[in-house]
Amino acid sequence: MSASFAEILIPVAASLGVAFVAGWVSYIAGRGVRLHEWKLQLARDRILERQHLYAKFIAEADRNLLTVATGGVKSIDNVMPLFALQAEIWLLSAQSVQDAAKHMCDLALSANAAVDDRAVGDQFAAKKAFVDAARTELAALEADARRSRA
């Protein structure tokens, strides 16, 4: 006894329909996972970018301080790299980090002034304030990344 066309067509169509639905669900789930991984990578990149920027800023501020402290030539050229890094900080960072960076740049500028009658201020305290503000911001970014993971 041979099978009719309908007896063959119905199971084949059902199998193809189920395969299509399973493929669509797999595509949607994979897309969601890839989107989630992309967001996590973006958060990681944001944190790493700021860590490197802040480390460069602190190193440049220390270099400037040591240049002036060891009797180097006082010049506006000494603080230009620090101001360039400050501009990046203004584009990327929270207000508290921006304010701490501005204070460090103000101290560096006054330390490089041509006249020595300006009060220089406590550069260690300014550096500590900058580091504290940067750590707080980085911790907040990490917390946001953890929340998005859950």
C-alpha atoms as a PDB file:
ATOM      1  CA  MET A   1       0.000   0.000   0.000  1.00  0.00           C
ATOM      2  CA  SER A   2       1.572   3.272  -1.033  1.00  0.00           C
ATOM      3  CA  ALA A   3       1.348   6.459   1.007  1.00  0.00           C
ATOM      4  CA  SER A   4      -0.730   9.272  -0.347  1.00  0.00           C
ATOM      5  CA  PHE A   5       0.680  12.657  -1.133  1.00  0.00           C
ATOM      6  CA  ALA A   6      -1.016  14.211   1.925  1.00  0.00           C
ATOM      7  CA  GLU A   7       0.490  11.567   4.242  1.00  0.00           C
ATOM      8  CA  ILE A   8       3.963  12.573   3.049  1.00  0.00           C
ATOM      9  CA  LEU A   9       3.398  16.306   2.783  1.00  0.00           C
ATOM     10  CA  ILE A  10       1.966  16.893   6.278  1.00  0.00           C
ATOM     11  CA  PRO A  11       4.920  15.387   8.244  1.00  0.00           C
ATOM     12  CA  VAL A  12       7.452  17.084   5.952  1.00  0.00           C
ATOM     13  CA  ALA A  13       5.728  20.476   6.322  1.00  0.00           C
ATOM     14  CA  ALA A  14       5.477  20.001  10.094  1.00  0.00           C
ATOM     15  CA  SER A  15       9.166  19.104  10.310  1.00  0.00           C
ATOM     16  CA  LEU A  16      10.144  22.113   8.202  1.00  0.00           C
ATOM     17  CA  GLY A  17       7.926  24.394  10.278  1.00  0.00           C
ATOM     18  CA  VAL A  18       9.410  23.147  13.536  1.00  0.00           C
ATOM     19  CA  ALA A  19      12.928  23.522  12.121  1.00  0.00           C
ATOM     20  CA  PHE A  20      12.136  27.079  11.031  1.00  0.00           C
ATOM     21  CA  VAL A  21      10.725  28.023  14.446  1.00  0.00           C
ATOM     22  CA  ALA A  22      13.707  26.429  16.244  1.00  0.00           C
ATOM     23  CA  GLY A  23      16.117  28.269  13.960  1.00  0.00           C
ATOM     24  CA  TRP A  24      14.337  31.562  14.573  1.00  0.00           C
ATOM     25  CA  VAL A  25      14.391  31.073  18.367  1.00  0.00           C
ATOM     26  CA  SER A  26      18.083  30.161  18.211  1.00  0.00           C
ATOM     27  CA  TYR A  27      18.826  33.264  16.141  1.00  0.00           C
ATOM     28  CA  ILE A  28      16.970  35.550  18.576  1.00  0.00           C
ATOM     29  CA  ALA A  29      18.677  33.978  21.611  1.00  0.00           C
ATOM     30  CA  GLY A  30      22.115  34.178  19.978  1.00  0.00           C
ATOM     31  CA  ARG A  31      21.525  37.770  19.011  1.00  0.00           C
ATOM     32  CA  GLY A  32      20.572  38.648  22.578  1.00  0.00           C
ATOM     33  CA  VAL A  33      23.695  36.965  23.940  1.00  0.00           C
ATOM     34  CA  ARG A  34      25.919  38.756  21.422  1.00  0.00           C
ATOM     35  CA  LEU A  35      24.305  42.103  22.276  1.00  0.00           C
ATOM     36  CA  HIS A  36      24.837  41.462  25.985  1.00  0.00           C
ATOM     37  CA  GLU A  37      28.490  40.495  25.398  1.00  0.00           C
ATOM     38  CA  TRP A  38      28.988  43.625  23.301  1.00  0.00           C
ATOM     39  CA  LYS A  39      27.614  45.820  26.106  1.00  0.00           C
ATOM     40  CA  LEU A  40      29.912  44.149  28.640  1.00  0.00           C
ATOM     41  CA  GLN A  41      32.925  44.614  26.357  1.00  0.00           C
ATOM     42  CA  LEU A  42      31.999  48.264  25.893  1.00  0.00           C
ATOM     43  CA  ALA A  43      31.867  48.733  29.674  1.00  0.00           C
ATOM     44  CA  ARG A  44      35.245  46.977  30.065  1.00  0.00           C
ATOM     45  CA  ASP A  45      36.787  49.184  27.387  1.00  0.00           C
ATOM     46  CA  ARG A  46      35.373  52.299  29.035  1.00  0.00           C
ATOM     47  CA  ILE A  47      36.877  51.342  32.397  1.00  0.00           C
ATOM     48  CA  LEU A  48      40.268  50.424  30.914  1.00  0.00           C
ATOM     49  CA  GLU A  49      40.400  53.620  28.870  1.00  0.00           C
ATOM     50  CA  ARG A  50      39.827  55.721  31.944  1.00  0.00           C
ATOM     51  CA  GLN A  51      42.321  53.751  34.028  1.00  0.00           C
ATOM     52  CA  HIS A  52      45.022  54.376  31.424  1.00  0.00           C
ATOM     53  CA  LEU A  53      44.081  58.040  31.070  1.00  0.00           C
ATOM     54  CA  TYR A  54      44.147  58.620  34.812  1.00  0.00           C
ATOM     55  CA  ALA A  55      47.470  56.826  35.188  1.00  0.00           C
ATOM     56  CA  LYS A  56      48.986  58.949  32.403  1.00  0.00           C
ATOM     57  CA  PHE A  57      47.608  62.106  34.000  1.00  0.00           C
ATOM     58  CA  ILE A  58      49.100  61.254  37.400  1.00  0.00           C
ATOM     59  CA  ALA A  59      52.443  60.319  35.845  1.00  0.00           C
ATOM     60  CA  GLU A  60      52.552  63.594  33.900  1.00  0.00           C
ATOM     61  CA  ALA A  61      51.665  65.594  37.004  1.00  0.00           C
ATOM     62  CA  ASP A  62      54.448  63.834  38.919  1.00  0.00           C
ATOM     63  CA  ARG A  63      56.910  64.453  36.090  1.00  0.00           C
ATOM     64  CA  ASN A  64      56.009  68.118  36.095  1.00  0.00           C
ATOM     65  CA  LEU A  65      56.390  68.347  39.871  1.00  0.00           C
ATOM     66  CA  LEU A  66      59.799  66.666  39.754  1.00  0.00           C
ATOM     67  CA  THR A  67      60.944  68.923  36.920  1.00  0.00           C
ATOM     68  CA  VAL A  68      60.162  72.014  38.951  1.00  0.00           C
ATOM     69  CA  ALA A  69      61.413  70.539  42.256  1.00  0.00           C
ATOM     70  CA  THR A  70      64.801  69.593  40.828  1.00  0.00           C
ATOM     71  CA  GLY A  71      65.415  73.096  39.551  1.00  0.00           C
ATOM     72  CA  GLY A  72      64.334  72.544  35.957  1.00  0.00           C
ATOM     73  CA  VAL A  73      63.356  75.410  33.732  1.00  0.00           C
ATOM     74  CA  LYS A  74      59.931  76.790  34.558  1.00  0.00           C
ATOM     75  CA  SER A  75      57.914  77.053  31.391  1.00  0.00           C
ATOM     76  CA  ILE A  76      54.354  76.806  30.165  1.00  0.00           C
ATOM     77  CA  ASP A  77      55.607  74.023  27.893  1.00  0.00           C
ATOM     78  CA  ASN A  78      56.031  71.875  31.001  1.00  0.00           C
ATOM     79  CA  VAL A  79      52.290  71.856  31.666  1.00  0.00           C
ATOM     80  CA  MET A  80      50.969  71.565  28.107  1.00  0.00           C
ATOM     81  CA  PRO A  81      50.959  67.714  28.137  1.00  0.00           C
ATOM     82  CA  LEU A  82      49.101  67.842  31.454  1.00  0.00           C
ATOM     83  CA  PHE A  83      46.487  70.186  29.964  1.00  0.00           C
ATOM     84  CA  ALA A  84      46.071  67.857  26.976  1.00  0.00           C
ATOM     85  CA  LEU A  85      45.317  64.975  29.316  1.00  0.00           C
ATOM     86  CA  GLN A  86      42.980  67.207  31.299  1.00  0.00           C
ATOM     87  CA  ALA A  87      41.018  67.895  28.110  1.00  0.00           C
ATOM     88  CA  GLU A  88      40.508  64.146  27.632  1.00  0.00           C
ATOM     89  CA  ILE A  89      39.409  63.842  31.242  1.00  0.00           C
ATOM     90  CA  TRP A  90      36.845  66.593  30.690  1.00  0.00           C
ATOM     91  CA  LEU A  91      35.395  64.645  27.770  1.00  0.00           C
ATOM     92  CA  LEU A  92      35.174  61.294  29.536  1.00  0.00           C
ATOM     93  CA  SER A  93      34.913  61.739  33.272  1.00  0.00           C
ATOM     94  CA  ALA A  94      32.508  62.692  36.000  1.00  0.00           C
ATOM     95  CA  GLN A  95      32.463  66.195  37.444  1.00  0.00           C
ATOM     96  CA  SER A  96      34.330  65.195  40.618  1.00  0.00           C
ATOM     97  CA  VAL A  97      37.242  63.828  38.588  1.00  0.00           C
ATOM     98  CA  GLN A  98      37.224  66.915  36.367  1.00  0.00           C
ATOM     99  CA  ASP A  99      37.404  69.208  39.389  1.00  0.00           C
ATOM    100  CA  ALA A 100      40.281  67.263  40.941  1.00  0.00           C
ATOM    101  CA  ALA A 101      42.167  67.292  37.621  1.00  0.00           C
ATOM    102  CA  LYS A 102      41.606  71.034  37.293  1.00  0.00           C
ATOM    103  CA  HIS A 103      43.024  71.597  40.759  1.00  0.00           C
ATOM    104  CA  MET A 104      46.128  69.552  39.894  1.00  0.00           C
ATOM    105  CA  CYS A 105      46.591  71.540  36.671  1.00  0.00           C
ATOM    106  CA  ASP A 106      46.189  74.816  38.547  1.00  0.00           C
ATOM    107  CA  LEU A 107      48.919  73.750  40.963  1.00  0.00           C
ATOM    108  CA  ALA A 108      51.191  72.704  38.102  1.00  0.00           C
ATOM    109  CA  LEU A 109      50.615  75.998  36.339  1.00  0.00           C
ATOM    110  CA  SER A 110      51.396  78.015  39.448  1.00  0.00           C
ATOM    111  CA  ALA A 111      54.513  75.905  40.080  1.00  0.00           C
ATOM    112  CA  ASN A 112      55.726  76.788  36.575  1.00  0.00           C
ATOM    113  CA  ALA A 113      55.034  80.494  36.953  1.00  0.00           C
ATOM    114  CA  ALA A 114      57.927  82.781  36.144  1.00  0.00           C
ATOM    115  CA  VAL A 115      57.724  84.480  39.527  1.00  0.00           C
ATOM    116  CA  ASP A 116      58.234  82.555  42.728  1.00  0.00           C
ATOM    117  CA  ASP A 117      55.901  84.567  44.950  1.00  0.00           C
ATOM    118  CA  ARG A 118      52.810  82.444  44.213  1.00  0.00           C
ATOM    119  CA  ALA A 119      51.589  79.929  46.771  1.00  0.00           C
ATOM    120  CA  VAL A 120      51.979  76.493  45.248  1.00  0.00           C
ATOM    121  CA  GLY A 121      49.644  74.493  47.485  1.00  0.00           C
ATOM    122  CA  ASP A 122      49.665  70.903  48.596  1.00  0.00           C
ATOM    123  CA  GLN A 123      50.236  68.797  45.506  1.00  0.00           C
ATOM    124  CA  PHE A 124      50.091  65.543  47.465  1.00  0.00           C
ATOM    125  CA  ALA A 125      46.601  66.390  48.751  1.00  0.00           C
ATOM    126  CA  ALA A 126      45.498  67.346  45.244  1.00  0.00           C
ATOM    127  CA  LYS A 127      46.844  64.062  43.876  1.00  0.00           C
ATOM    128  CA  LYS A 128      45.079  62.110  46.624  1.00  0.00           C
ATOM    129  CA  ALA A 129      41.801  63.920  45.882  1.00  0.00           C
ATOM    130  CA  PHE A 130      42.176  63.087  42.190  1.00  0.00           C
ATOM    131  CA  VAL A 131      42.910  59.418  42.909  1.00  0.00           C
ATOM    132  CA  ASP A 132      39.946  59.178  45.278  1.00  0.00           C
ATOM    133  CA  ALA A 133      37.591  60.758  42.730  1.00  0.00           C
ATOM    134  CA  ALA A 134      38.920  58.501  39.958  1.00  0.00           C
ATOM    135  CA  ARG A 135      38.540  55.360  42.083  1.00  0.00           C
ATOM    136  CA  THR A 136      34.994  56.333  42.995  1.00  0.00           C
ATOM    137  CA  GLU A 137      34.115  56.846  39.343  1.00  0.00           C
ATOM    138  CA  LEU A 138      35.728  53.560  38.271  1.00  0.00           C
ATOM    139  CA  ALA A 139      33.909  51.696  41.053  1.00  0.00           C
ATOM    140  CA  ALA A 140      30.613  53.186  39.861  1.00  0.00           C
ATOM    141  CA  LEU A 141      31.333  52.095  36.287  1.00  0.00           C
ATOM    142  CA  GLU A 142      32.169  48.578  37.485  1.00  0.00           C
ATOM    143  CA  ALA A 143      28.947  48.465  39.522  1.00  0.00           C
ATOM    144  CA  ASP A 144      26.966  49.510  36.440  1.00  0.00           C
ATOM    145  CA  ALA A 145      28.639  46.749  34.440  1.00  0.00           C
ATOM    146  CA  ARG A 146      27.790  44.192  37.122  1.00  0.00           C
ATOM    147  CA  ARG A 147      24.176  45.336  37.206  1.00  0.00           C
ATOM    148  CA  SER A 148      23.872  44.940  33.464  1.00  0.00           C
ATOM    149  CA  ARG A 149      25.308  41.425  33.728  1.00  0.00           C
ATOM    150  CA  ALA A 150      22.573  40.286  36.078  1.00  0.00           C
END
